[in-house]
Amino acid sequence: MQQMVNGKMVDVSMERDGSIDSDTLRELASIPKNRTLVQQLATGENLIVNPGERIKINPSDYFRDIPDHVRGGGRLSHEQA
């Protein structure tokens, strides 16, 4: 089966139940480990795909990678508050 990942078609071999290991998908699509994999369903819902997770995919799903999110650390200064 072919799957759309980051705007390109990738050949994907899935299990009989329609699932694939997320690490395998990342490798096939050349997604670096420091990027987050996101699965967008036909409904428009976005799901974060964790490393080592088994995921079920449909031909209408779209995958993309995004930078890892870094939270906070900064404080508002008195002038910004």
Protein backbone atom coordinates (compact mmCIF):
# COMPACT_ATOMS: atom_id res chain seq x y z
CA MET A 1 0.00 0.00 0.00
CA GLN A 2 1.13 3.55 -0.60
CA GLN A 3 0.69 6.21 2.06
CA MET A 4 1.08 9.99 1.85
CA VAL A 5 3.78 11.26 4.22
CA ASN A 6 5.03 14.86 4.10
CA GLY A 7 3.70 15.32 0.57
CA LYS A 8 5.27 12.21 -0.92
CA MET A 9 3.99 8.69 -1.46
CA VAL A 10 5.74 5.99 0.58
CA ASP A 11 5.38 2.23 0.03
CA VAL A 12 4.14 0.72 3.28
CA SER A 13 3.80 -2.96 4.19
CA MET A 14 1.13 -3.40 6.82
CA GLU A 15 0.04 -6.32 8.95
CA ARG A 16 -3.18 -8.16 8.10
CA ASP A 17 -5.09 -6.03 10.60
CA GLY A 18 -4.08 -2.84 8.76
CA SER A 19 -1.50 -1.77 11.33
CA ILE A 20 2.16 -0.82 11.13
CA ASP A 21 4.83 -0.06 13.71
CA SER A 22 5.33 3.71 13.90
CA ASP A 23 9.12 3.31 13.91
CA THR A 24 8.93 1.46 10.60
CA LEU A 25 6.79 4.22 9.08
CA ARG A 26 9.24 6.85 10.35
CA GLU A 27 12.14 4.96 8.79
CA LEU A 28 10.36 4.49 5.43
CA ALA A 29 9.55 8.21 5.32
CA SER A 30 13.04 9.31 6.53
CA ILE A 31 11.62 11.15 9.55
CA PRO A 32 14.32 12.04 12.10
CA LYS A 33 13.93 10.91 15.70
CA ASN A 34 13.90 14.50 16.94
CA ARG A 35 10.64 15.22 15.07
CA THR A 36 7.09 14.37 16.15
CA LEU A 37 4.98 12.22 13.81
CA VAL A 38 1.37 13.35 13.37
CA GLN A 39 -1.41 11.30 11.77
CA GLN A 40 -4.24 13.32 10.25
CA LEU A 41 -7.45 11.32 9.84
CA ALA A 42 -10.04 11.90 7.10
CA THR A 43 -12.18 13.62 9.76
CA GLY A 44 -9.47 16.27 10.16
CA GLU A 45 -8.51 15.00 13.62
CA ASN A 46 -4.76 15.06 14.35
CA LEU A 47 -3.15 12.32 16.44
CA ILE A 48 0.37 12.34 17.88
CA VAL A 49 2.07 9.03 17.03
CA ASN A 50 4.48 7.84 19.71
CA PRO A 51 7.69 5.92 18.96
CA GLY A 52 7.17 2.15 19.04
CA GLU A 53 3.39 2.50 18.78
CA ARG A 54 1.31 0.21 16.55
CA ILE A 55 -1.01 2.32 14.48
CA LYS A 56 -3.85 1.49 12.11
CA ILE A 57 -3.87 3.50 8.93
CA ASN A 58 -6.32 4.08 6.12
CA PRO A 59 -5.40 5.21 2.60
CA SER A 60 -7.11 8.55 3.32
CA ASP A 61 -4.88 9.28 6.34
CA TYR A 62 -2.05 11.77 5.94
CA PHE A 63 1.17 11.78 7.97
CA ARG A 64 3.56 14.64 8.59
CA ASP A 65 6.36 15.43 10.97
CA ILE A 66 6.64 18.55 13.07
CA PRO A 67 9.36 19.89 15.39
CA ASP A 68 9.25 18.58 18.93
CA HIS A 69 7.39 21.01 21.16
CA VAL A 70 9.37 22.73 23.88
CA ARG A 71 7.29 24.19 26.68
CA GLY A 72 7.76 27.30 28.71
CA GLY A 73 10.85 28.17 30.57
CA GLY A 74 10.39 31.89 30.16
CA ARG A 75 8.52 34.25 32.41
CA LEU A 76 6.64 37.36 31.46
CA SER A 77 8.47 40.51 32.35
CA HIS A 78 6.68 43.23 34.26
CA GLU A 79 6.28 45.18 31.00
CA GLN A 80 4.66 42.20 29.22
CA ALA A 81 2.21 41.40 32.02
